[in-house]
Amino acid sequence: MKKPSKNSYRFYPDRKTFRLEYGPHVRFLPAALVAELTGVSLQTVYKWIAGTHPMDARTRQVLYTRALGLLPCPRWSDWHIDETGRLTAPNGWSFYPDELMGLSYLKQHNGDLQADVARLTVENRQLREALDYAQAKRWPSNVVPLPVAHQHGHKKPG
């Protein structure tokens, strides 16, 4: 199929356009663009516009994906790729691919930090136990221990 020029995609109110609607997403697409995106003839697109020929579900899904940027997998429902190429979540947050790669790095870095925190928590607990043990073995502050004389090889007098 011959590729139409980019100029043929301009909106002309006197030409027939294909209305593509999915939830809040609505676009009016030139028939030539619909034909190119779906791989069908221009005559078929005009039949869809006139309502004399139904569009099959698979072709409609292709059009939703390619023209509206909707993602076909159910796990991605309500996500879409907007006109600027950003992946947009249902809550309105949107990301470029490099930003998603950054999220992957942050997730890995967060895992490393959590491992460090766990290690330091164990080390802190061990140090506190050692300190508590050492403080329990200390003499009270008002008692002064007497030095013990070491007798190495000396006999007791007497």
Protein backbone atom coordinates (compact mmCIF):
# COMPACT_ATOMS: atom_id res chain seq x y z
CA MET A 1 0.00 0.00 0.00
CA LYS A 2 1.33 3.41 -0.93
CA LYS A 3 2.22 5.60 2.02
CA PRO A 4 0.35 8.91 2.03
CA SER A 5 2.32 12.06 2.62
CA LYS A 6 2.19 13.75 6.01
CA ASN A 7 0.15 16.56 4.47
CA SER A 8 -2.74 14.17 3.88
CA TYR A 9 -3.17 13.84 7.68
CA ARG A 10 -4.24 17.43 8.19
CA PHE A 11 -7.79 17.90 9.36
CA TYR A 12 -10.13 19.23 6.72
CA PRO A 13 -13.69 19.76 7.94
CA ASP A 14 -15.15 18.97 4.51
CA ARG A 15 -13.51 15.51 4.40
CA LYS A 16 -14.83 12.44 6.12
CA THR A 17 -13.06 11.59 9.35
CA PHE A 18 -13.12 8.51 11.51
CA ARG A 19 -14.21 9.07 15.10
CA LEU A 20 -12.24 6.86 17.47
CA GLU A 21 -13.48 6.80 21.04
CA TYR A 22 -12.44 4.79 24.07
CA GLY A 23 -13.54 6.05 27.48
CA PRO A 24 -12.33 9.64 27.87
CA HIS A 25 -10.10 9.33 24.78
CA VAL A 26 -11.64 10.69 21.57
CA ARG A 27 -9.84 11.45 18.31
CA PHE A 28 -11.04 12.35 14.85
CA LEU A 29 -8.67 10.71 12.40
CA PRO A 30 -8.35 11.23 8.64
CA ALA A 31 -9.47 8.18 6.69
CA ALA A 32 -6.03 7.85 5.05
CA LEU A 33 -4.36 7.65 8.45
CA VAL A 34 -6.83 5.02 9.67
CA ALA A 35 -6.18 2.98 6.52
CA GLU A 36 -2.43 3.18 7.08
CA LEU A 37 -2.60 2.33 10.80
CA THR A 38 -4.89 -0.67 10.29
CA GLY A 39 -3.51 -1.94 6.97
CA VAL A 40 -6.84 -1.83 5.13
CA SER A 41 -7.99 -0.01 2.03
CA LEU A 42 -9.38 3.50 2.07
CA GLN A 43 -12.71 2.09 0.79
CA THR A 44 -12.97 -0.12 3.90
CA VAL A 45 -12.38 2.87 6.15
CA TYR A 46 -15.16 4.78 4.35
CA LYS A 47 -17.48 1.81 4.96
CA TRP A 48 -16.59 1.95 8.68
CA ILE A 49 -17.32 5.68 8.73
CA ALA A 50 -20.66 5.17 6.97
CA GLY A 51 -21.53 2.31 9.34
CA THR A 52 -22.19 -0.15 6.50
CA HIS A 53 -19.33 -2.46 7.41
CA PRO A 54 -18.41 -3.31 11.03
CA MET A 55 -14.80 -3.16 12.18
CA ASP A 56 -13.54 -6.42 13.68
CA ALA A 57 -12.34 -6.42 17.31
CA ARG A 58 -8.68 -7.08 16.50
CA THR A 59 -8.50 -4.15 14.06
CA ARG A 60 -10.22 -1.90 16.61
CA GLN A 61 -7.63 -2.93 19.22
CA VAL A 62 -4.81 -2.11 16.79
CA LEU A 63 -6.37 1.30 16.21
CA TYR A 64 -6.78 1.92 19.95
CA THR A 65 -3.13 1.06 20.46
CA ARG A 66 -1.66 2.91 17.50
CA ALA A 67 -3.91 5.98 17.39
CA LEU A 68 -4.88 6.48 21.05
CA GLY A 69 -1.77 5.00 22.63
CA LEU A 70 -3.78 2.55 24.74
CA LEU A 71 -2.01 -0.57 25.90
CA PRO A 72 -3.71 -3.87 25.00
CA CYS A 73 -2.83 -5.92 28.09
CA PRO A 74 -5.49 -5.97 30.87
CA ARG A 75 -2.81 -5.27 33.51
CA TRP A 76 -2.26 -1.91 31.79
CA SER A 77 -5.93 -0.94 31.67
CA ASP A 78 -6.47 2.83 31.92
CA TRP A 79 -2.79 3.48 31.07
CA HIS A 80 -2.00 5.10 27.73
CA ILE A 81 0.76 6.76 25.76
CA ASP A 82 -0.13 10.39 25.17
CA GLU A 83 0.61 12.59 22.14
CA THR A 84 4.05 13.52 23.50
CA GLY A 85 5.10 9.88 23.91
CA ARG A 86 4.75 9.80 27.69
CA LEU A 87 3.35 6.70 29.39
CA THR A 88 0.45 8.05 31.45
CA ALA A 89 -0.96 6.28 34.51
CA PRO A 90 -4.62 6.36 35.55
CA ASN A 91 -3.76 8.82 38.34
CA GLY A 92 -2.33 11.29 35.80
CA TRP A 93 1.37 10.66 36.47
CA SER A 94 3.35 10.28 33.29
CA PHE A 95 6.84 9.09 32.42
CA TYR A 96 9.29 9.08 29.55
CA PRO A 97 11.26 5.84 29.02
CA ASP A 98 14.45 7.26 30.59
CA GLU A 99 12.48 8.23 33.70
CA LEU A 100 11.24 4.65 34.02
CA MET A 101 14.82 3.43 33.77
CA GLY A 102 15.65 5.83 36.61
CA LEU A 103 12.89 4.27 38.69
CA SER A 104 14.48 0.87 38.15
CA TYR A 105 17.80 2.25 39.41
CA LEU A 106 16.10 3.84 42.43
CA LYS A 107 14.36 0.56 43.26
CA GLN A 108 17.68 -1.29 43.19
CA HIS A 109 19.38 1.43 45.26
CA ASN A 110 16.50 1.35 47.77
CA GLY A 111 16.96 -2.42 48.14
CA ASP A 112 20.66 -1.91 48.85
CA LEU A 113 19.85 0.74 51.45
CA GLN A 114 17.29 -1.52 53.12
CA ALA A 115 19.92 -4.27 53.37
CA ASP A 116 22.35 -1.77 54.97
CA VAL A 117 19.68 -0.67 57.46
CA ALA A 118 18.96 -4.30 58.41
CA ARG A 119 22.67 -5.01 58.90
CA LEU A 120 23.18 -1.86 60.98
CA THR A 121 20.09 -2.64 63.08
CA VAL A 122 21.54 -6.05 64.01
CA GLU A 123 24.93 -4.50 64.73
CA ASN A 124 23.31 -1.76 66.87
CA ARG A 125 21.35 -4.37 68.87
CA GLN A 126 24.53 -6.39 69.49
CA LEU A 127 26.43 -3.29 70.65
CA ARG A 128 23.58 -2.29 73.00
CA GLU A 129 23.51 -5.80 74.51
CA ALA A 130 27.30 -5.70 75.02
CA LEU A 131 27.02 -2.25 76.63
CA ASP A 132 24.18 -3.40 78.92
CA TYR A 133 26.24 -6.43 79.94
CA ALA A 134 29.32 -4.28 80.66
CA GLN A 135 27.28 -1.80 82.71
CA ALA A 136 25.75 -4.64 84.77
CA LYS A 137 29.25 -5.90 85.70
CA ARG A 138 30.51 -2.50 86.90
CA TRP A 139 30.84 -1.71 90.59
CA PRO A 140 28.38 0.79 91.94
CA SER A 141 29.71 4.35 91.76
CA ASN A 142 30.01 4.74 95.56
CA VAL A 143 32.14 1.57 96.01
CA VAL A 144 35.84 1.56 95.26
CA PRO A 145 37.22 -1.93 94.71
CA LEU A 146 40.40 -2.83 96.60
CA PRO A 147 43.31 -3.89 94.51
CA VAL A 148 43.98 -7.60 94.69
CA ALA A 149 47.63 -8.47 95.36
CA HIS A 150 48.91 -11.06 93.01
CA GLN A 151 51.25 -13.53 94.60
CA HIS A 152 53.45 -15.23 92.14
CA GLY A 153 55.55 -17.83 93.83
CA HIS A 154 55.57 -16.09 97.18
CA LYS A 155 54.88 -18.03 100.32
CA LYS A 156 52.62 -16.76 103.04
CA PRO A 157 54.50 -15.62 106.13
CA GLY A 158 54.06 -17.62 109.10
